[in-house]
Amino acid sequence: MRSLIKTVTFAAVHFTVAFSVAYALTGSIAISSALALVEPMVNTVAYFFHERIWEAADRLKLGRMARRYSPSEANRSTSALASS
């Protein structure tokens, strides 16, 4: 559910930015509206799947590997060695 909420808020920001940039470049409300509708929709769908892939990676070995090399894990390993 969190991914869906993030996707919707990302889409709102993206629509606004896309329209603003397109309008600044073209000066046309029609072209800006078309670009602001098509490009962010495609990008938002890609972002949703990107988030899902990263969530799956966290559940797999990649997530364990990333945690192994995280700063908090490195500090824990160093502390364990110091106390030995």
PDB file of N, CA and C in Angstrom:
ATOM      1  N   MET A   1       0.826  -1.201   0.000  1.00  0.00           N
ATOM      2  CA  MET A   1       0.000   0.000   0.000  1.00  0.00           C
ATOM      3  C   MET A   1       0.869   1.263   0.000  1.00  0.00           C
ATOM      4  N   ARG A   2       1.994   1.209   0.738  1.00  0.00           N
ATOM      5  CA  ARG A   2       2.885   2.365   0.797  1.00  0.00           C
ATOM      6  C   ARG A   2       3.413   2.713  -0.591  1.00  0.00           C
ATOM      7  N   SER A   3       3.738   1.692  -1.385  1.00  0.00           N
ATOM      8  CA  SER A   3       4.226   1.934  -2.745  1.00  0.00           C
ATOM      9  C   SER A   3       3.183   2.654  -3.587  1.00  0.00           C
ATOM     10  N   LEU A   4       1.928   2.288  -3.409  1.00  0.00           N
ATOM     11  CA  LEU A   4       0.858   2.920  -4.177  1.00  0.00           C
ATOM     12  C   LEU A   4       0.704   4.398  -3.797  1.00  0.00           C
ATOM     13  N   ILE A   5       0.755   4.694  -2.498  1.00  0.00           N
ATOM     14  CA  ILE A   5       0.649   6.091  -2.045  1.00  0.00           C
ATOM     15  C   ILE A   5       1.836   6.907  -2.543  1.00  0.00           C
ATOM     16  N   LYS A   6       3.038   6.339  -2.442  1.00  0.00           N
ATOM     17  CA  LYS A   6       4.216   7.032  -2.949  1.00  0.00           C
ATOM     18  C   LYS A   6       4.093   7.282  -4.451  1.00  0.00           C
ATOM     19  N   THR A   7       3.554   6.311  -5.165  1.00  0.00           N
ATOM     20  CA  THR A   7       3.397   6.444  -6.610  1.00  0.00           C
ATOM     21  C   THR A   7       2.442   7.579  -6.961  1.00  0.00           C
ATOM     22  N   VAL A   8       1.330   7.681  -6.242  1.00  0.00           N
ATOM     23  CA  VAL A   8       0.341   8.732  -6.517  1.00  0.00           C
ATOM     24  C   VAL A   8       0.914  10.116  -6.220  1.00  0.00           C
ATOM     25  N   THR A   9       1.602  10.269  -5.093  1.00  0.00           N
ATOM     26  CA  THR A   9       2.173  11.588  -4.780  1.00  0.00           C
ATOM     27  C   THR A   9       3.293  11.938  -5.754  1.00  0.00           C
ATOM     28  N   PHE A  10       4.076  10.943  -6.139  1.00  0.00           N
ATOM     29  CA  PHE A  10       5.119  11.166  -7.139  1.00  0.00           C
ATOM     30  C   PHE A  10       4.495  11.615  -8.456  1.00  0.00           C
ATOM     31  N   ALA A  11       3.384  11.003  -8.831  1.00  0.00           N
ATOM     32  CA  ALA A  11       2.708  11.366 -10.076  1.00  0.00           C
ATOM     33  C   ALA A  11       2.248  12.822 -10.047  1.00  0.00           C
ATOM     34  N   ALA A  12       1.694  13.269  -8.927  1.00  0.00           N
ATOM     35  CA  ALA A  12       1.226  14.659  -8.826  1.00  0.00           C
ATOM     36  C   ALA A  12       2.381  15.644  -8.997  1.00  0.00           C
ATOM     37  N   VAL A  13       3.474  15.362  -8.351  1.00  0.00           N
ATOM     38  CA  VAL A  13       4.649  16.235  -8.492  1.00  0.00           C
ATOM     39  C   VAL A  13       5.152  16.193  -9.928  1.00  0.00           C
ATOM     40  N   HIS A  14       5.216  14.999 -10.475  1.00  0.00           N
ATOM     41  CA  HIS A  14       5.732  14.847 -11.834  1.00  0.00           C
ATOM     42  C   HIS A  14       4.850  15.554 -12.869  1.00  0.00           C
ATOM     43  N   PHE A  15       3.543  15.445 -12.744  1.00  0.00           N
ATOM     44  CA  PHE A  15       2.640  16.145 -13.658  1.00  0.00           C
ATOM     45  C   PHE A  15       2.901  17.652 -13.613  1.00  0.00           C
ATOM     46  N   THR A  16       3.037  18.194 -12.421  1.00  0.00           N
ATOM     47  CA  THR A  16       3.267  19.631 -12.259  1.00  0.00           C
ATOM     48  C   THR A  16       4.584  20.058 -12.889  1.00  0.00           C
ATOM     49  N   VAL A  17       5.635  19.320 -12.618  1.00  0.00           N
ATOM     50  CA  VAL A  17       6.952  19.657 -13.173  1.00  0.00           C
ATOM     51  C   VAL A  17       6.942  19.509 -14.693  1.00  0.00           C
ATOM     52  N   ALA A  18       6.364  18.424 -15.187  1.00  0.00           N
ATOM     53  CA  ALA A  18       6.333  18.193 -16.633  1.00  0.00           C
ATOM     54  C   ALA A  18       5.586  19.309 -17.352  1.00  0.00           C
ATOM     55  N   PHE A  19       4.442  19.709 -16.809  1.00  0.00           N
ATOM     56  CA  PHE A  19       3.681  20.789 -17.436  1.00  0.00           C
ATOM     57  C   PHE A  19       4.478  22.088 -17.413  1.00  0.00           C
ATOM     58  N   SER A  20       5.068  22.399 -16.285  1.00  0.00           N
ATOM     59  CA  SER A  20       5.821  23.660 -16.143  1.00  0.00           C
ATOM     60  C   SER A  20       6.996  23.729 -17.103  1.00  0.00           C
ATOM     61  N   VAL A  21       7.758  22.652 -17.200  1.00  0.00           N
ATOM     62  CA  VAL A  21       8.914  22.636 -18.106  1.00  0.00           C
ATOM     63  C   VAL A  21       8.449  22.711 -19.556  1.00  0.00           C
ATOM     64  N   ALA A  22       7.435  21.916 -19.907  1.00  0.00           N
ATOM     65  CA  ALA A  22       6.939  21.929 -21.288  1.00  0.00           C
ATOM     66  C   ALA A  22       6.389  23.301 -21.662  1.00  0.00           C
ATOM     67  N   TYR A  23       5.680  23.938 -20.733  1.00  0.00           N
ATOM     68  CA  TYR A  23       5.137  25.270 -21.014  1.00  0.00           C
ATOM     69  C   TYR A  23       6.257  26.293 -21.163  1.00  0.00           C
ATOM     70  N   ALA A  24       7.268  26.198 -20.315  1.00  0.00           N
ATOM     71  CA  ALA A  24       8.402  27.127 -20.410  1.00  0.00           C
ATOM     72  C   ALA A  24       9.129  26.966 -21.749  1.00  0.00           C
ATOM     73  N   LEU A  25       9.195  25.751 -22.257  1.00  0.00           N
ATOM     74  CA  LEU A  25       9.888  25.507 -23.525  1.00  0.00           C
ATOM     75  C   LEU A  25       9.039  25.821 -24.751  1.00  0.00           C
ATOM     76  N   THR A  26       7.726  25.586 -24.677  1.00  0.00           N
ATOM     77  CA  THR A  26       6.889  25.732 -25.869  1.00  0.00           C
ATOM     78  C   THR A  26       5.982  26.951 -25.832  1.00  0.00           C
ATOM     79  N   GLY A  27       5.583  27.379 -24.646  1.00  0.00           N
ATOM     80  CA  GLY A  27       4.626  28.479 -24.530  1.00  0.00           C
ATOM     81  C   GLY A  27       3.212  28.063 -24.924  1.00  0.00           C
ATOM     82  N   SER A  28       3.001  26.782 -25.157  1.00  0.00           N
ATOM     83  CA  SER A  28       1.700  26.282 -25.592  1.00  0.00           C
ATOM     84  C   SER A  28       1.059  25.454 -24.477  1.00  0.00           C
ATOM     85  N   ILE A  29      -0.144  25.865 -24.076  1.00  0.00           N
ATOM     86  CA  ILE A  29      -0.861  25.114 -23.049  1.00  0.00           C
ATOM     87  C   ILE A  29      -1.269  23.736 -23.575  1.00  0.00           C
ATOM     88  N   ALA A  30      -1.671  23.648 -24.836  1.00  0.00           N
ATOM     89  CA  ALA A  30      -2.099  22.368 -25.410  1.00  0.00           C
ATOM     90  C   ALA A  30      -0.955  21.359 -25.458  1.00  0.00           C
ATOM     91  N   ILE A  31       0.183  21.785 -25.983  1.00  0.00           N
ATOM     92  CA  ILE A  31       1.337  20.877 -26.062  1.00  0.00           C
ATOM     93  C   ILE A  31       1.828  20.522 -24.662  1.00  0.00           C
ATOM     94  N   SER A  32       1.876  21.510 -23.782  1.00  0.00           N
ATOM     95  CA  SER A  32       2.322  21.267 -22.408  1.00  0.00           C
ATOM     96  C   SER A  32       1.408  20.280 -21.695  1.00  0.00           C
ATOM     97  N   SER A  33       0.108  20.435 -21.916  1.00  0.00           N
ATOM     98  CA  SER A  33      -0.859  19.514 -21.291  1.00  0.00           C
ATOM     99  C   SER A  33      -0.673  18.096 -21.810  1.00  0.00           C
ATOM    100  N   ALA A  34      -0.496  17.963 -23.114  1.00  0.00           N
ATOM    101  CA  ALA A  34      -0.299  16.635 -23.705  1.00  0.00           C
ATOM    102  C   ALA A  34       0.966  15.985 -23.165  1.00  0.00           C
ATOM    103  N   LEU A  35       2.050  16.730 -23.151  1.00  0.00           N
ATOM    104  CA  LEU A  35       3.303  16.191 -22.615  1.00  0.00           C
ATOM    105  C   LEU A  35       3.183  15.873 -21.132  1.00  0.00           C
ATOM    106  N   ALA A  36       2.505  16.733 -20.402  1.00  0.00           N
ATOM    107  CA  ALA A  36       2.363  16.544 -18.961  1.00  0.00           C
ATOM    108  C   ALA A  36       1.478  15.345 -18.637  1.00  0.00           C
ATOM    109  N   LEU A  37       0.633  14.930 -19.543  1.00  0.00           N
ATOM    110  CA  LEU A  37      -0.212  13.763 -19.303  1.00  0.00           C
ATOM    111  C   LEU A  37       0.469  12.458 -19.719  1.00  0.00           C
ATOM    112  N   VAL A  38       1.106  12.469 -20.867  1.00  0.00           N
ATOM    113  CA  VAL A  38       1.662  11.225 -21.410  1.00  0.00           C
ATOM    114  C   VAL A  38       2.959  10.822 -20.711  1.00  0.00           C
ATOM    115  N   GLU A  39       3.928  11.702 -20.667  1.00  0.00           N
ATOM    116  CA  GLU A  39       5.244  11.334 -20.130  1.00  0.00           C
ATOM    117  C   GLU A  39       5.189  10.921 -18.661  1.00  0.00           C
ATOM    118  N   PRO A  40       4.555  11.687 -17.775  1.00  0.00           N
ATOM    119  CA  PRO A  40       4.513  11.248 -16.374  1.00  0.00           C
ATOM    120  C   PRO A  40       3.726   9.960 -16.148  1.00  0.00           C
ATOM    121  N   MET A  41       2.696   9.722 -16.948  1.00  0.00           N
ATOM    122  CA  MET A  41       1.957   8.467 -16.786  1.00  0.00           C
ATOM    123  C   MET A  41       2.871   7.282 -17.055  1.00  0.00           C
ATOM    124  N   VAL A  42       3.616   7.358 -18.135  1.00  0.00           N
ATOM    125  CA  VAL A  42       4.532   6.278 -18.470  1.00  0.00           C
ATOM    126  C   VAL A  42       5.618   6.168 -17.393  1.00  0.00           C
ATOM    127  N   ASN A  43       6.159   7.294 -16.986  1.00  0.00           N
ATOM    128  CA  ASN A  43       7.217   7.298 -15.983  1.00  0.00           C
ATOM    129  C   ASN A  43       6.704   6.819 -14.618  1.00  0.00           C
ATOM    130  N   THR A  44       5.481   7.152 -14.274  1.00  0.00           N
ATOM    131  CA  THR A  44       4.901   6.735 -12.998  1.00  0.00           C
ATOM    132  C   THR A  44       4.718   5.225 -12.948  1.00  0.00           C
ATOM    133  N   VAL A  45       4.276   4.644 -14.040  1.00  0.00           N
ATOM    134  CA  VAL A  45       4.144   3.184 -14.094  1.00  0.00           C
ATOM    135  C   VAL A  45       5.525   2.538 -13.943  1.00  0.00           C
ATOM    136  N   ALA A  46       6.514   3.100 -14.625  1.00  0.00           N
ATOM    137  CA  ALA A  46       7.882   2.581 -14.506  1.00  0.00           C
ATOM    138  C   ALA A  46       8.377   2.704 -13.071  1.00  0.00           C
ATOM    139  N   TYR A  47       8.081   3.824 -12.416  1.00  0.00           N
ATOM    140  CA  TYR A  47       8.500   4.040 -11.032  1.00  0.00           C
ATOM    141  C   TYR A  47       7.850   3.026 -10.093  1.00  0.00           C
ATOM    142  N   PHE A  48       6.576   2.752 -10.284  1.00  0.00           N
ATOM    143  CA  PHE A  48       5.873   1.783  -9.445  1.00  0.00           C
ATOM    144  C   PHE A  48       6.561   0.426  -9.520  1.00  0.00           C
ATOM    145  N   PHE A  49       6.875  -0.031 -10.737  1.00  0.00           N
ATOM    146  CA  PHE A  49       7.539  -1.322 -10.883  1.00  0.00           C
ATOM    147  C   PHE A  49       8.976  -1.273 -10.365  1.00  0.00           C
ATOM    148  N   HIS A  50       9.629  -0.140 -10.510  1.00  0.00           N
ATOM    149  CA  HIS A  50      10.971   0.048  -9.955  1.00  0.00           C
ATOM    150  C   HIS A  50      10.946  -0.152  -8.441  1.00  0.00           C
ATOM    151  N   GLU A  51       9.965   0.446  -7.778  1.00  0.00           N
ATOM    152  CA  GLU A  51       9.817   0.279  -6.327  1.00  0.00           C
ATOM    153  C   GLU A  51       9.544  -1.172  -5.968  1.00  0.00           C
ATOM    154  N   ARG A  52       8.697  -1.838  -6.714  1.00  0.00           N
ATOM    155  CA  ARG A  52       8.369  -3.242  -6.439  1.00  0.00           C
ATOM    156  C   ARG A  52       9.608  -4.123  -6.589  1.00  0.00           C
ATOM    157  N   ILE A  53      10.428  -3.849  -7.599  1.00  0.00           N
ATOM    158  CA  ILE A  53      11.657  -4.620  -7.810  1.00  0.00           C
ATOM    159  C   ILE A  53      12.600  -4.438  -6.626  1.00  0.00           C
ATOM    160  N   TRP A  54      12.741  -3.198  -6.138  1.00  0.00           N
ATOM    161  CA  TRP A  54      13.609  -2.956  -4.987  1.00  0.00           C
ATOM    162  C   TRP A  54      13.061  -3.625  -3.732  1.00  0.00           C
ATOM    163  N   GLU A  55      11.744  -3.641  -3.562  1.00  0.00           N
ATOM    164  CA  GLU A  55      11.147  -4.335  -2.419  1.00  0.00           C
ATOM    165  C   GLU A  55      11.441  -5.830  -2.491  1.00  0.00           C
ATOM    166  N   ALA A  56      11.335  -6.393  -3.686  1.00  0.00           N
ATOM    167  CA  ALA A  56      11.642  -7.813  -3.861  1.00  0.00           C
ATOM    168  C   ALA A  56      13.121  -8.069  -3.596  1.00  0.00           C
ATOM    169  N   ALA A  57      13.972  -7.176  -4.039  1.00  0.00           N
ATOM    170  CA  ALA A  57      15.412  -7.320  -3.806  1.00  0.00           C
ATOM    171  C   ALA A  57      15.719  -7.295  -2.316  1.00  0.00           C
ATOM    172  N   ASP A  58      15.010  -6.470  -1.565  1.00  0.00           N
ATOM    173  CA  ASP A  58      15.204  -6.425  -0.119  1.00  0.00           C
ATOM    174  C   ASP A  58      14.829  -7.751   0.533  1.00  0.00           C
ATOM    175  N   ARG A  59      13.833  -8.424  -0.031  1.00  0.00           N
ATOM    176  CA  ARG A  59      13.409  -9.705   0.535  1.00  0.00           C
ATOM    177  C   ARG A  59      14.351 -10.838   0.134  1.00  0.00           C
ATOM    178  N   LEU A  60      15.127 -10.617  -0.890  1.00  0.00           N
ATOM    179  CA  LEU A  60      16.037 -11.657  -1.366  1.00  0.00           C
ATOM    180  C   LEU A  60      17.438 -11.427  -0.817  1.00  0.00           C
ATOM    181  N   LYS A  61      18.369 -12.120  -1.361  1.00  0.00           N
ATOM    182  CA  LYS A  61      19.754 -12.051  -0.905  1.00  0.00           C
ATOM    183  C   LYS A  61      20.328 -10.649  -1.021  1.00  0.00           C
ATOM    184  N   LEU A  62      19.908  -9.891  -2.004  1.00  0.00           N
ATOM    185  CA  LEU A  62      20.442  -8.543  -2.168  1.00  0.00           C
ATOM    186  C   LEU A  62      20.188  -7.705  -0.933  1.00  0.00           C
ATOM    187  N   GLY A  63      19.036  -7.882  -0.324  1.00  0.00           N
ATOM    188  CA  GLY A  63      18.729  -7.145   0.895  1.00  0.00           C
ATOM    189  C   GLY A  63      19.650  -7.531   2.027  1.00  0.00           C
ATOM    190  N   ARG A  64      19.930  -8.818   2.154  1.00  0.00           N
ATOM    191  CA  ARG A  64      20.841  -9.276   3.209  1.00  0.00           C
ATOM    192  C   ARG A  64      22.244  -8.773   2.947  1.00  0.00           C
ATOM    193  N   MET A  65      22.662  -8.766   1.676  1.00  0.00           N
ATOM    194  CA  MET A  65      23.997  -8.271   1.343  1.00  0.00           C
ATOM    195  C   MET A  65      24.114  -6.782   1.642  1.00  0.00           C
ATOM    196  N   ALA A  66      23.080  -6.034   1.310  1.00  0.00           N
ATOM    197  CA  ALA A  66      23.107  -4.590   1.554  1.00  0.00           C
ATOM    198  C   ALA A  66      23.187  -4.311   3.046  1.00  0.00           C
ATOM    199  N   ARG A  67      22.451  -5.081   3.848  1.00  0.00           N
ATOM    200  CA  ARG A  67      22.500  -4.884   5.302  1.00  0.00           C
ATOM    201  C   ARG A  67      23.872  -5.266   5.847  1.00  0.00           C
ATOM    202  N   ARG A  68      24.487  -6.287   5.263  1.00  0.00           N
ATOM    203  CA  ARG A  68      25.796  -6.726   5.727  1.00  0.00           C
ATOM    204  C   ARG A  68      26.827  -5.613   5.577  1.00  0.00           C
ATOM    205  N   TYR A  69      26.696  -4.819   4.531  1.00  0.00           N
ATOM    206  CA  TYR A  69      27.661  -3.769   4.262  1.00  0.00           C
ATOM    207  C   TYR A  69      27.180  -2.386   4.679  1.00  0.00           C
ATOM    208  N   SER A  70      26.098  -2.318   5.419  1.00  0.00           N
ATOM    209  CA  SER A  70      25.590  -1.025   5.873  1.00  0.00           C
ATOM    210  C   SER A  70      26.474  -0.500   6.997  1.00  0.00           C
ATOM    211  N   PRO A  71      26.518   0.820   7.194  1.00  0.00           N
ATOM    212  CA  PRO A  71      27.352   1.408   8.252  1.00  0.00           C
ATOM    213  C   PRO A  71      27.027   0.861   9.638  1.00  0.00           C
ATOM    214  N   SER A  72      25.759   0.626   9.938  1.00  0.00           N
ATOM    215  CA  SER A  72      25.415   0.123  11.265  1.00  0.00           C
ATOM    216  C   SER A  72      25.963  -1.284  11.467  1.00  0.00           C
ATOM    217  N   GLU A  73      25.928  -2.110  10.433  1.00  0.00           N
ATOM    218  CA  GLU A  73      26.481  -3.457  10.538  1.00  0.00           C
ATOM    219  C   GLU A  73      27.995  -3.403  10.668  1.00  0.00           C
ATOM    220  N   ALA A  74      28.641  -2.482   9.955  1.00  0.00           N
ATOM    221  CA  ALA A  74      30.090  -2.348  10.036  1.00  0.00           C
ATOM    222  C   ALA A  74      30.500  -1.942  11.444  1.00  0.00           C
ATOM    223  N   ASN A  75      29.757  -1.030  12.057  1.00  0.00           N
ATOM    224  CA  ASN A  75      30.055  -0.606  13.423  1.00  0.00           C
ATOM    225  C   ASN A  75      29.881  -1.762  14.400  1.00  0.00           C
ATOM    226  N   ARG A  76      28.848  -2.571  14.193  1.00  0.00           N
ATOM    227  CA  ARG A  76      28.601  -3.709  15.066  1.00  0.00           C
ATOM    228  C   ARG A  76      29.745  -4.718  14.956  1.00  0.00           C
ATOM    229  N   SER A  77      30.231  -4.949  13.740  1.00  0.00           N
ATOM    230  CA  SER A  77      31.337  -5.888  13.546  1.00  0.00           C
ATOM    231  C   SER A  77      32.598  -5.361  14.210  1.00  0.00           C
ATOM    232  N   THR A  78      32.863  -4.056  14.071  1.00  0.00           N
ATOM    233  CA  THR A  78      34.038  -3.444  14.662  1.00  0.00           C
ATOM    234  C   THR A  78      33.955  -3.511  16.188  1.00  0.00           C
ATOM    235  N   SER A  79      32.770  -3.264  16.732  1.00  0.00           N
ATOM    236  CA  SER A  79      32.584  -3.323  18.178  1.00  0.00           C
ATOM    237  C   SER A  79      32.814  -4.725  18.693  1.00  0.00           C
ATOM    238  N   ALA A  80      32.368  -5.724  17.953  1.00  0.00           N
ATOM    239  CA  ALA A  80      32.532  -7.121  18.368  1.00  0.00           C
ATOM    240  C   ALA A  80      34.005  -7.486  18.385  1.00  0.00           C
ATOM    241  N   LEU A  81      34.755  -7.007  17.399  1.00  0.00           N
ATOM    242  CA  LEU A  81      36.184  -7.292  17.352  1.00  0.00           C
ATOM    243  C   LEU A  81      36.914  -6.598  18.488  1.00  0.00           C
ATOM    244  N   ALA A  82      36.523  -5.375  18.800  1.00  0.00           N
ATOM    245  CA  ALA A  82      37.176  -4.605  19.863  1.00  0.00           C
ATOM    246  C   ALA A  82      36.945  -5.244  21.220  1.00  0.00           C
ATOM    247  N   SER A  83      35.795  -5.850  21.422  1.00  0.00           N
ATOM    248  CA  SER A  83      35.488  -6.427  22.722  1.00  0.00           C
ATOM    249  C   SER A  83      36.112  -7.808  22.899  1.00  0.00           C
ATOM    250  N   SER A  84      36.620  -8.403  21.818  1.00  0.00           N
ATOM    251  CA  SER A  84      37.224  -9.742  21.918  1.00  0.00           C
ATOM    252  C   SER A  84      38.574  -9.720  22.576  1.00  0.00           C
TER     253      SER A  84
END
